[in-house]
Each structure stands twice: as structure tokens, then as C-alpha cells.
Amino acid sequence: MVNRNDHAVVATGVGGVVVFGGGRFRDGYGQTVTSGRYLRAGERARRPQGALTQSA
């Protein structure tokens, strides 16, 4: 979730893509275009598919 002040922030980008700008969301946002998932406090993020792990 993003709390933004529309007078201070002109656009919101996620992963290098503008998802909110000019007072509106991009076409299809939340229906055909998604940008992630809600992460509750204390919940661990999932590792991206194909992410490499480091071994000691």
C-alpha cells in the first residue's frame, strides 16, 4: 500500500513502471495489470522465481 500526497507526489512507480500518475491509475491496473501483493506486517517476502541462493 502506498500513502501518497497528490500535491507532493506526481506519480507512483512499481518495478520501473508508472502505475499511478496524473490523478488516475493506468488502464487495466488491478484487473489485467498487477504490481505485486499486499505484505502484512511480520510476513516474509517470497523469493522471486528463479532467484539464486548463496551458500556459505
PDB file of N, CA and C in Angstrom:
ATOM      1  N   MET A   1       0.843  -1.171   0.000  1.00  0.00           N
ATOM      2  CA  MET A   1       0.000   0.000   0.000  1.00  0.00           C
ATOM      3  C   MET A   1       0.886   1.230   0.000  1.00  0.00           C
ATOM      4  N   VAL A   2       0.444   2.221  -0.698  1.00  0.00           N
ATOM      5  CA  VAL A   2       1.202   3.465  -0.787  1.00  0.00           C
ATOM      6  C   VAL A   2       0.313   4.608  -0.332  1.00  0.00           C
ATOM      7  N   ASN A   3       0.768   5.321   0.687  1.00  0.00           N
ATOM      8  CA  ASN A   3       0.086   6.550   1.097  1.00  0.00           C
ATOM      9  C   ASN A   3       0.807   7.688   0.405  1.00  0.00           C
ATOM     10  N   ARG A   4       0.103   8.405  -0.418  1.00  0.00           N
ATOM     11  CA  ARG A   4       0.758   9.474  -1.161  1.00  0.00           C
ATOM     12  C   ARG A   4      -0.016  10.775  -0.991  1.00  0.00           C
ATOM     13  N   ASN A   5       0.705  11.844  -1.082  1.00  0.00           N
ATOM     14  CA  ASN A   5       0.119  13.172  -1.069  1.00  0.00           C
ATOM     15  C   ASN A   5       0.112  13.640  -2.516  1.00  0.00           C
ATOM     16  N   ASP A   6      -1.057  13.745  -3.129  1.00  0.00           N
ATOM     17  CA  ASP A   6      -1.156  14.100  -4.543  1.00  0.00           C
ATOM     18  C   ASP A   6      -0.555  15.464  -4.865  1.00  0.00           C
ATOM     19  N   HIS A   7      -0.366  16.309  -3.854  1.00  0.00           N
ATOM     20  CA  HIS A   7       0.239  17.615  -4.091  1.00  0.00           C
ATOM     21  C   HIS A   7       1.764  17.526  -4.083  1.00  0.00           C
ATOM     22  N   ALA A   8       2.308  16.479  -3.466  1.00  0.00           N
ATOM     23  CA  ALA A   8       3.762  16.334  -3.376  1.00  0.00           C
ATOM     24  C   ALA A   8       4.305  15.272  -4.328  1.00  0.00           C
ATOM     25  N   VAL A   9       3.511  14.260  -4.623  1.00  0.00           N
ATOM     26  CA  VAL A   9       3.959  13.147  -5.463  1.00  0.00           C
ATOM     27  C   VAL A   9       3.147  13.148  -6.747  1.00  0.00           C
ATOM     28  N   VAL A  10       3.818  13.254  -7.878  1.00  0.00           N
ATOM     29  CA  VAL A  10       3.101  13.338  -9.153  1.00  0.00           C
ATOM     30  C   VAL A  10       2.845  11.973  -9.781  1.00  0.00           C
ATOM     31  N   ALA A  11       3.607  10.950  -9.367  1.00  0.00           N
ATOM     32  CA  ALA A  11       3.415   9.613  -9.930  1.00  0.00           C
ATOM     33  C   ALA A  11       3.930   8.567  -8.953  1.00  0.00           C
ATOM     34  N   THR A  12       3.386   7.356  -9.046  1.00  0.00           N
ATOM     35  CA  THR A  12       3.847   6.227  -8.255  1.00  0.00           C
ATOM     36  C   THR A  12       4.293   5.140  -9.216  1.00  0.00           C
ATOM     37  N   GLY A  13       5.544   4.697  -9.066  1.00  0.00           N
ATOM     38  CA  GLY A  13       6.077   3.645  -9.924  1.00  0.00           C
ATOM     39  C   GLY A  13       6.352   2.390  -9.121  1.00  0.00           C
ATOM     40  N   VAL A  14       6.115   1.239  -9.733  1.00  0.00           N
ATOM     41  CA  VAL A  14       6.396  -0.047  -9.108  1.00  0.00           C
ATOM     42  C   VAL A  14       7.185  -0.872 -10.114  1.00  0.00           C
ATOM     43  N   GLY A  15       8.376  -1.283  -9.724  1.00  0.00           N
ATOM     44  CA  GLY A  15       9.198  -2.091 -10.613  1.00  0.00           C
ATOM     45  C   GLY A  15       9.548  -1.390 -11.913  1.00  0.00           C
ATOM     46  N   GLY A  16       9.711  -0.069 -11.854  1.00  0.00           N
ATOM     47  CA  GLY A  16      10.081   0.689 -13.034  1.00  0.00           C
ATOM     48  C   GLY A  16       8.932   1.064 -13.948  1.00  0.00           C
ATOM     49  N   VAL A  17       7.697   0.773 -13.521  1.00  0.00           N
ATOM     50  CA  VAL A  17       6.519   1.080 -14.334  1.00  0.00           C
ATOM     51  C   VAL A  17       5.622   2.043 -13.562  1.00  0.00           C
ATOM     52  N   VAL A  18       5.194   3.127 -14.196  1.00  0.00           N
ATOM     53  CA  VAL A  18       4.283   4.073 -13.548  1.00  0.00           C
ATOM     54  C   VAL A  18       2.898   3.442 -13.476  1.00  0.00           C
ATOM     55  N   VAL A  19       2.380   3.274 -12.242  1.00  0.00           N
ATOM     56  CA  VAL A  19       1.054   2.681 -12.066  1.00  0.00           C
ATOM     57  C   VAL A  19       0.004   3.729 -11.700  1.00  0.00           C
ATOM     58  N   PHE A  20       0.451   4.895 -11.230  1.00  0.00           N
ATOM     59  CA  PHE A  20      -0.476   5.971 -10.892  1.00  0.00           C
ATOM     60  C   PHE A  20       0.178   7.288 -11.257  1.00  0.00           C
ATOM     61  N   GLY A  21      -0.519   8.089 -12.031  1.00  0.00           N
ATOM     62  CA  GLY A  21       0.001   9.396 -12.406  1.00  0.00           C
ATOM     63  C   GLY A  21      -1.113  10.254 -12.964  1.00  0.00           C
ATOM     64  N   GLY A  22      -0.982  11.541 -12.812  1.00  0.00           N
ATOM     65  CA  GLY A  22      -2.000  12.447 -13.325  1.00  0.00           C
ATOM     66  C   GLY A  22      -3.354  12.267 -12.670  1.00  0.00           C
ATOM     67  N   GLY A  23      -3.345  11.776 -11.414  1.00  0.00           N
ATOM     68  CA  GLY A  23      -4.602  11.618 -10.685  1.00  0.00           C
ATOM     69  C   GLY A  23      -5.370  10.349 -10.992  1.00  0.00           C
ATOM     70  N   ARG A  24      -4.778   9.427 -11.757  1.00  0.00           N
ATOM     71  CA  ARG A  24      -5.502   8.182 -12.053  1.00  0.00           C
ATOM     72  C   ARG A  24      -4.539   7.017 -12.253  1.00  0.00           C
ATOM     73  N   PHE A  25      -5.085   5.812 -12.058  1.00  0.00           N
ATOM     74  CA  PHE A  25      -4.303   4.600 -12.272  1.00  0.00           C
ATOM     75  C   PHE A  25      -4.190   4.309 -13.758  1.00  0.00           C
ATOM     76  N   ARG A  26      -3.152   3.587 -14.143  1.00  0.00           N
ATOM     77  CA  ARG A  26      -3.001   3.227 -15.553  1.00  0.00           C
ATOM     78  C   ARG A  26      -4.122   2.290 -15.965  1.00  0.00           C
ATOM     79  N   ASP A  27      -4.439   2.270 -17.227  1.00  0.00           N
ATOM     80  CA  ASP A  27      -5.517   1.422 -17.743  1.00  0.00           C
ATOM     81  C   ASP A  27      -5.270  -0.037 -17.379  1.00  0.00           C
ATOM     82  N   GLY A  28      -6.303  -0.694 -16.872  1.00  0.00           N
ATOM     83  CA  GLY A  28      -6.232  -2.108 -16.534  1.00  0.00           C
ATOM     84  C   GLY A  28      -5.616  -2.419 -15.194  1.00  0.00           C
ATOM     85  N   TYR A  29      -5.147  -1.404 -14.468  1.00  0.00           N
ATOM     86  CA  TYR A  29      -4.480  -1.668 -13.193  1.00  0.00           C
ATOM     87  C   TYR A  29      -5.437  -2.333 -12.209  1.00  0.00           C
ATOM     88  N   GLY A  30      -4.972  -3.426 -11.606  1.00  0.00           N
ATOM     89  CA  GLY A  30      -5.779  -4.170 -10.645  1.00  0.00           C
ATOM     90  C   GLY A  30      -6.677  -5.205 -11.289  1.00  0.00           C
ATOM     91  N   GLN A  31      -6.768  -5.205 -12.601  1.00  0.00           N
ATOM     92  CA  GLN A  31      -7.600  -6.184 -13.312  1.00  0.00           C
ATOM     93  C   GLN A  31      -6.730  -7.029 -14.230  1.00  0.00           C
ATOM     94  N   THR A  32      -6.133  -6.412 -15.218  1.00  0.00           N
ATOM     95  CA  THR A  32      -5.244  -7.148 -16.117  1.00  0.00           C
ATOM     96  C   THR A  32      -3.784  -6.792 -15.874  1.00  0.00           C
ATOM     97  N   VAL A  33      -3.536  -5.686 -15.193  1.00  0.00           N
ATOM     98  CA  VAL A  33      -2.177  -5.260 -14.863  1.00  0.00           C
ATOM     99  C   VAL A  33      -2.042  -5.284 -13.351  1.00  0.00           C
ATOM    100  N   THR A  34      -1.076  -6.034 -12.844  1.00  0.00           N
ATOM    101  CA  THR A  34      -0.853  -6.096 -11.400  1.00  0.00           C
ATOM    102  C   THR A  34       0.584  -5.691 -11.102  1.00  0.00           C
ATOM    103  N   SER A  35       0.859  -5.412  -9.839  1.00  0.00           N
ATOM    104  CA  SER A  35       2.206  -4.972  -9.481  1.00  0.00           C
ATOM    105  C   SER A  35       2.724  -5.617  -8.206  1.00  0.00           C
ATOM    106  N   GLY A  36       2.148  -6.694  -7.778  1.00  0.00           N
ATOM    107  CA  GLY A  36       2.645  -7.345  -6.576  1.00  0.00           C
ATOM    108  C   GLY A  36       1.516  -7.802  -5.684  1.00  0.00           C
ATOM    109  N   ARG A  37       1.817  -7.921  -4.403  1.00  0.00           N
ATOM    110  CA  ARG A  37       0.809  -8.371  -3.448  1.00  0.00           C
ATOM    111  C   ARG A  37       0.978  -7.605  -2.145  1.00  0.00           C
ATOM    112  N   TYR A  38      -0.076  -7.583  -1.354  1.00  0.00           N
ATOM    113  CA  TYR A  38      -0.054  -6.919  -0.055  1.00  0.00           C
ATOM    114  C   TYR A  38       0.754  -7.776   0.907  1.00  0.00           C
ATOM    115  N   LEU A  39       1.695  -7.193   1.599  1.00  0.00           N
ATOM    116  CA  LEU A  39       2.543  -7.909   2.543  1.00  0.00           C
ATOM    117  C   LEU A  39       2.217  -7.416   3.946  1.00  0.00           C
ATOM    118  N   ARG A  40       1.572  -8.282   4.735  1.00  0.00           N
ATOM    119  CA  ARG A  40       1.183  -7.910   6.100  1.00  0.00           C
ATOM    120  C   ARG A  40       2.415  -7.745   6.986  1.00  0.00           C
ATOM    121  N   ALA A  41       2.266  -6.961   8.053  1.00  0.00           N
ATOM    122  CA  ALA A  41       3.364  -6.746   8.991  1.00  0.00           C
ATOM    123  C   ALA A  41       3.847  -8.087   9.530  1.00  0.00           C
ATOM    124  N   GLY A  42       5.140  -8.302   9.509  1.00  0.00           N
ATOM    125  CA  GLY A  42       5.726  -9.530  10.028  1.00  0.00           C
ATOM    126  C   GLY A  42       5.778 -10.669   9.026  1.00  0.00           C
ATOM    127  N   GLU A  43       5.101 -10.525   7.899  1.00  0.00           N
ATOM    128  CA  GLU A  43       5.102 -11.579   6.885  1.00  0.00           C
ATOM    129  C   GLU A  43       6.397 -11.491   6.085  1.00  0.00           C
ATOM    130  N   ARG A  44       6.958 -12.644   5.759  1.00  0.00           N
ATOM    131  CA  ARG A  44       8.202 -12.663   4.997  1.00  0.00           C
ATOM    132  C   ARG A  44       7.892 -12.628   3.508  1.00  0.00           C
ATOM    133  N   ALA A  45       8.679 -11.877   2.797  1.00  0.00           N
ATOM    134  CA  ALA A  45       8.514 -11.788   1.347  1.00  0.00           C
ATOM    135  C   ALA A  45       8.927 -13.105   0.702  1.00  0.00           C
ATOM    136  N   ARG A  46       8.215 -13.479  -0.361  1.00  0.00           N
ATOM    137  CA  ARG A  46       8.603 -14.662  -1.120  1.00  0.00           C
ATOM    138  C   ARG A  46       9.792 -14.320  -1.995  1.00  0.00           C
ATOM    139  N   ARG A  47      10.629 -15.299  -2.200  1.00  0.00           N
ATOM    140  CA  ARG A  47      11.747 -15.114  -3.115  1.00  0.00           C
ATOM    141  C   ARG A  47      11.233 -15.188  -4.543  1.00  0.00           C
ATOM    142  N   PRO A  48      11.694 -14.313  -5.413  1.00  0.00           N
ATOM    143  CA  PRO A  48      11.245 -14.373  -6.808  1.00  0.00           C
ATOM    144  C   PRO A  48      11.595 -15.719  -7.437  1.00  0.00           C
ATOM    145  N   GLN A  49      10.760 -16.180  -8.351  1.00  0.00           N
ATOM    146  CA  GLN A  49      11.045 -17.434  -9.029  1.00  0.00           C
ATOM    147  C   GLN A  49      12.368 -17.317  -9.757  1.00  0.00           C
ATOM    148  N   GLY A  50      13.173 -18.357  -9.649  1.00  0.00           N
ATOM    149  CA  GLY A  50      14.458 -18.364 -10.321  1.00  0.00           C
ATOM    150  C   GLY A  50      15.546 -17.612  -9.577  1.00  0.00           C
ATOM    151  N   ALA A  51      15.239 -17.107  -8.370  1.00  0.00           N
ATOM    152  CA  ALA A  51      16.247 -16.376  -7.603  1.00  0.00           C
ATOM    153  C   ALA A  51      17.311 -17.344  -7.109  1.00  0.00           C
ATOM    154  N   LEU A  52      18.539 -16.911  -7.169  1.00  0.00           N
ATOM    155  CA  LEU A  52      19.645 -17.742  -6.715  1.00  0.00           C
ATOM    156  C   LEU A  52      19.843 -17.557  -5.227  1.00  0.00           C
ATOM    157  N   THR A  53      20.232 -18.623  -4.559  1.00  0.00           N
ATOM    158  CA  THR A  53      20.545 -18.527  -3.138  1.00  0.00           C
ATOM    159  C   THR A  53      22.050 -18.640  -2.978  1.00  0.00           C
ATOM    160  N   GLN A  54      22.575 -17.990  -1.951  1.00  0.00           N
ATOM    161  CA  GLN A  54      24.006 -18.052  -1.679  1.00  0.00           C
ATOM    162  C   GLN A  54      24.255 -19.127  -0.650  1.00  0.00           C
ATOM    163  N   SER A  55      25.264 -19.927  -0.867  1.00  0.00           N
ATOM    164  CA  SER A  55      25.625 -20.931   0.129  1.00  0.00           C
ATOM    165  C   SER A  55      26.932 -20.521   0.779  1.00  0.00           C
ATOM    166  N   ALA A  56      27.039 -20.816   2.070  1.00  0.00           N
ATOM    167  CA  ALA A  56      28.212 -20.385   2.834  1.00  0.00           C
ATOM    168  C   ALA A  56      29.399 -21.265   2.602  1.00  0.00           C
TER     169      ALA A  56
END
